[in-house]
Amino acid sequence: MIFNNEIWLWTEKPDLRRSGHFNGGTHAVSLEVEIPSEQVLLSDFDAWHCVLNDSFMALDEAEWEAFYRNELKMSKEDSWERIFNLELLRESPWWNSDPHLQGVSGKIKISHVYNVREFIARGMKI
C-alpha cells in the first residue's frame, strides 16, 4: 500500500505553549529532526495563506489592483508559485520582512529524528 503523506515542518522550533497549534487537551508529539535540505520544500508560512484563502499572491498594491482589474496575464494559481521564491518575497514591499519558513517532506527516516517529546496542549478544548 502506498500513501501520499506530507509532513509539515518548522525550520525553527515553535512555541507550543501558544495557541493555534492544537486544541487544548490534545495529546501531541514534537519531533526534532535533521533532514537533508534536498528532501524538504521550503515556503513562506504567511504567503501560504494566499493559497489557503484562494487569493492572488500580489507582491505590491499596484499588482493586486491590476490583477483584480484583469490587467495581468498571470493567473492566481501561477502567482502561488511565489511562496517558494524566498528571495523574491524579501524584495517585495508587501513581503519583505523575515520570512516565517515552513517546510514539507514526504518522509522522515527514524535516523533523522534526534528528540521526541510528548505533551498535552494547553488552552481551550474545542
C-alpha atoms as a PDB file:
ATOM      1  CA  MET A   1       0.000   0.000   0.000  1.00  0.00           C
ATOM      2  CA  ILE A   2       1.329   3.465  -0.919  1.00  0.00           C
ATOM      3  CA  PHE A   3       0.298   6.562   0.995  1.00  0.00           C
ATOM      4  CA  ASN A   4       0.764  10.122  -0.213  1.00  0.00           C
ATOM      5  CA  ASN A   5       1.776  11.796   3.010  1.00  0.00           C
ATOM      6  CA  GLU A   6       3.076  15.256   3.581  1.00  0.00           C
ATOM      7  CA  ILE A   7       4.859  16.018   6.812  1.00  0.00           C
ATOM      8  CA  TRP A   8       4.798  19.710   7.665  1.00  0.00           C
ATOM      9  CA  LEU A   9       7.856  21.111   9.391  1.00  0.00           C
ATOM     10  CA  TRP A  10       9.045  24.305  11.036  1.00  0.00           C
ATOM     11  CA  THR A  11      12.619  25.433  10.424  1.00  0.00           C
ATOM     12  CA  GLU A  12      12.667  26.993  13.903  1.00  0.00           C
ATOM     13  CA  LYS A  13      11.174  25.361  16.984  1.00  0.00           C
ATOM     14  CA  PRO A  14       7.725  26.908  17.560  1.00  0.00           C
ATOM     15  CA  ASP A  15       6.497  27.930  20.997  1.00  0.00           C
ATOM     16  CA  LEU A  16       3.978  25.142  21.526  1.00  0.00           C
ATOM     17  CA  ARG A  17       2.694  26.887  24.649  1.00  0.00           C
ATOM     18  CA  ARG A  18       0.963  29.404  22.377  1.00  0.00           C
ATOM     19  CA  SER A  19      -2.468  28.701  20.975  1.00  0.00           C
ATOM     20  CA  GLY A  20      -3.039  27.788  17.370  1.00  0.00           C
ATOM     21  CA  HIS A  21      -1.073  24.576  17.176  1.00  0.00           C
ATOM     22  CA  PHE A  22      -3.504  22.140  18.811  1.00  0.00           C
ATOM     23  CA  ASN A  23      -6.834  22.248  20.602  1.00  0.00           C
ATOM     24  CA  GLY A  24      -6.466  22.297  24.379  1.00  0.00           C
ATOM     25  CA  GLY A  25      -6.197  18.829  25.887  1.00  0.00           C
ATOM     26  CA  THR A  26      -4.860  17.255  22.678  1.00  0.00           C
ATOM     27  CA  HIS A  27      -2.133  14.661  23.204  1.00  0.00           C
ATOM     28  CA  ALA A  28       0.643  15.593  20.783  1.00  0.00           C
ATOM     29  CA  VAL A  29       4.221  14.746  19.906  1.00  0.00           C
ATOM     30  CA  SER A  30       7.006  17.127  18.958  1.00  0.00           C
ATOM     31  CA  LEU A  31       9.824  15.672  16.864  1.00  0.00           C
ATOM     32  CA  GLU A  32      13.146  17.393  16.386  1.00  0.00           C
ATOM     33  CA  VAL A  33      14.665  16.223  13.127  1.00  0.00           C
ATOM     34  CA  GLU A  34      17.638  16.817  10.855  1.00  0.00           C
ATOM     35  CA  ILE A  35      16.564  16.239   7.253  1.00  0.00           C
ATOM     36  CA  PRO A  36      18.781  16.811   4.203  1.00  0.00           C
ATOM     37  CA  SER A  37      17.720  20.071   2.521  1.00  0.00           C
ATOM     38  CA  GLU A  38      17.064  18.361  -0.807  1.00  0.00           C
ATOM     39  CA  GLN A  39      14.256  16.393   0.897  1.00  0.00           C
ATOM     40  CA  VAL A  40      12.428  19.496   2.153  1.00  0.00           C
ATOM     41  CA  LEU A  41      10.418  22.026   0.152  1.00  0.00           C
ATOM     42  CA  LEU A  42      10.518  25.415   1.921  1.00  0.00           C
ATOM     43  CA  SER A  43       7.849  28.089   1.662  1.00  0.00           C
ATOM     44  CA  ASP A  44       6.803  31.236   3.484  1.00  0.00           C
ATOM     45  CA  PHE A  45       4.132  30.491   6.107  1.00  0.00           C
ATOM     46  CA  ASP A  46       2.393  33.853   5.725  1.00  0.00           C
ATOM     47  CA  ALA A  47       2.423  33.753   1.913  1.00  0.00           C
ATOM     48  CA  TRP A  48       0.999  30.199   2.039  1.00  0.00           C
ATOM     49  CA  HIS A  49      -2.229  31.767   3.305  1.00  0.00           C
ATOM     50  CA  CYS A  50      -2.809  33.199  -0.187  1.00  0.00           C
ATOM     51  CA  VAL A  51      -3.133  29.616  -1.385  1.00  0.00           C
ATOM     52  CA  LEU A  52      -5.299  28.598   1.562  1.00  0.00           C
ATOM     53  CA  ASN A  53      -7.580  31.598   1.024  1.00  0.00           C
ATOM     54  CA  ASP A  54      -7.781  31.047  -2.747  1.00  0.00           C
ATOM     55  CA  SER A  55      -6.324  34.525  -3.302  1.00  0.00           C
ATOM     56  CA  PHE A  56      -3.921  36.082  -5.804  1.00  0.00           C
ATOM     57  CA  MET A  57      -0.437  36.452  -4.304  1.00  0.00           C
ATOM     58  CA  ALA A  58       0.486  40.012  -5.190  1.00  0.00           C
ATOM     59  CA  LEU A  59       3.898  41.493  -4.478  1.00  0.00           C
ATOM     60  CA  ASP A  60       2.555  45.021  -4.015  1.00  0.00           C
ATOM     61  CA  GLU A  61      -0.642  47.057  -4.051  1.00  0.00           C
ATOM     62  CA  ALA A  62      -0.352  48.059  -7.710  1.00  0.00           C
ATOM     63  CA  GLU A  63      -0.115  44.413  -8.787  1.00  0.00           C
ATOM     64  CA  TRP A  64      -3.033  43.483  -6.523  1.00  0.00           C
ATOM     65  CA  GLU A  65      -5.235  46.120  -8.124  1.00  0.00           C
ATOM     66  CA  ALA A  66      -4.072  45.250 -11.666  1.00  0.00           C
ATOM     67  CA  PHE A  67      -4.957  41.589 -11.117  1.00  0.00           C
ATOM     68  CA  TYR A  68      -8.473  42.382  -9.975  1.00  0.00           C
ATOM     69  CA  ARG A  69      -8.923  44.736 -12.955  1.00  0.00           C
ATOM     70  CA  ASN A  70      -7.967  41.758 -15.191  1.00  0.00           C
ATOM     71  CA  GLU A  71      -4.884  43.589 -16.461  1.00  0.00           C
ATOM     72  CA  LEU A  72      -2.371  40.812 -15.707  1.00  0.00           C
ATOM     73  CA  LYS A  73      -1.627  37.717 -17.745  1.00  0.00           C
ATOM     74  CA  MET A  74      -0.603  35.833 -14.599  1.00  0.00           C
ATOM     75  CA  SER A  75      -3.261  33.539 -13.168  1.00  0.00           C
ATOM     76  CA  LYS A  76      -4.000  33.319  -9.480  1.00  0.00           C
ATOM     77  CA  GLU A  77      -2.597  29.777  -9.453  1.00  0.00           C
ATOM     78  CA  ASP A  78       0.613  30.923 -11.181  1.00  0.00           C
ATOM     79  CA  SER A  79       1.070  33.595  -8.504  1.00  0.00           C
ATOM     80  CA  TRP A  80       1.087  30.874  -5.853  1.00  0.00           C
ATOM     81  CA  GLU A  81       4.452  29.625  -7.129  1.00  0.00           C
ATOM     82  CA  ARG A  82       5.908  32.726  -5.473  1.00  0.00           C
ATOM     83  CA  ILE A  83       5.524  31.237  -1.996  1.00  0.00           C
ATOM     84  CA  PHE A  84       8.626  29.173  -2.779  1.00  0.00           C
ATOM     85  CA  ASN A  85      10.709  32.103  -4.102  1.00  0.00           C
ATOM     86  CA  LEU A  86      12.006  33.418  -0.789  1.00  0.00           C
ATOM     87  CA  GLU A  87      14.396  35.928  -2.403  1.00  0.00           C
ATOM     88  CA  LEU A  88      11.555  37.477  -4.429  1.00  0.00           C
ATOM     89  CA  LEU A  89       9.470  37.795  -1.268  1.00  0.00           C
ATOM     90  CA  ARG A  90      12.332  39.524   0.576  1.00  0.00           C
ATOM     91  CA  GLU A  91      12.496  42.138  -2.207  1.00  0.00           C
ATOM     92  CA  SER A  92       8.729  42.783  -2.217  1.00  0.00           C
ATOM     93  CA  PRO A  93       7.345  45.737  -0.244  1.00  0.00           C
ATOM     94  CA  TRP A  94       4.449  43.571   0.972  1.00  0.00           C
ATOM     95  CA  TRP A  95       6.515  40.541   1.978  1.00  0.00           C
ATOM     96  CA  ASN A  96       9.926  41.994   2.833  1.00  0.00           C
ATOM     97  CA  SER A  97      10.048  41.036   6.494  1.00  0.00           C
ATOM     98  CA  ASP A  98      11.975  37.984   7.638  1.00  0.00           C
ATOM     99  CA  PRO A  99      10.002  35.027   6.329  1.00  0.00           C
ATOM    100  CA  HIS A 100       8.426  32.520   8.673  1.00  0.00           C
ATOM    101  CA  LEU A 101       9.735  29.423   6.977  1.00  0.00           C
ATOM    102  CA  GLN A 102       7.850  26.187   6.911  1.00  0.00           C
ATOM    103  CA  GLY A 103       8.801  23.020   5.141  1.00  0.00           C
ATOM    104  CA  VAL A 104       7.169  19.908   3.837  1.00  0.00           C
ATOM    105  CA  SER A 105       8.702  16.495   3.278  1.00  0.00           C
ATOM    106  CA  GLY A 106       7.379  13.180   2.078  1.00  0.00           C
ATOM    107  CA  LYS A 107       9.029  11.146   4.802  1.00  0.00           C
ATOM    108  CA  ILE A 108      11.209  11.289   7.864  1.00  0.00           C
ATOM    109  CA  LYS A 109      13.640   8.455   8.437  1.00  0.00           C
ATOM    110  CA  ILE A 110      13.988   7.342  12.043  1.00  0.00           C
ATOM    111  CA  SER A 111      17.709   8.133  11.742  1.00  0.00           C
ATOM    112  CA  HIS A 112      16.792  11.817  11.181  1.00  0.00           C
ATOM    113  CA  VAL A 113      14.904  12.053  14.497  1.00  0.00           C
ATOM    114  CA  TYR A 114      17.052  13.217  17.404  1.00  0.00           C
ATOM    115  CA  ASN A 115      14.452  14.228  20.004  1.00  0.00           C
ATOM    116  CA  VAL A 116      10.869  13.197  20.759  1.00  0.00           C
ATOM    117  CA  ARG A 117       8.678  14.982  23.273  1.00  0.00           C
ATOM    118  CA  GLU A 118       5.115  14.073  24.173  1.00  0.00           C
ATOM    119  CA  PHE A 119       2.850  16.740  25.646  1.00  0.00           C
ATOM    120  CA  ILE A 120      -0.746  17.727  26.225  1.00  0.00           C
ATOM    121  CA  ALA A 121      -1.679  21.017  24.562  1.00  0.00           C
ATOM    122  CA  ARG A 122      -2.764  23.869  26.780  1.00  0.00           C
ATOM    123  CA  GLY A 123      -5.682  26.114  26.135  1.00  0.00           C
ATOM    124  CA  MET A 124      -9.362  25.662  25.482  1.00  0.00           C
ATOM    125  CA  LYS A 125     -10.807  22.340  24.470  1.00  0.00           C
ATOM    126  CA  ILE A 126     -12.938  22.585  21.346  1.00  0.00           C
END
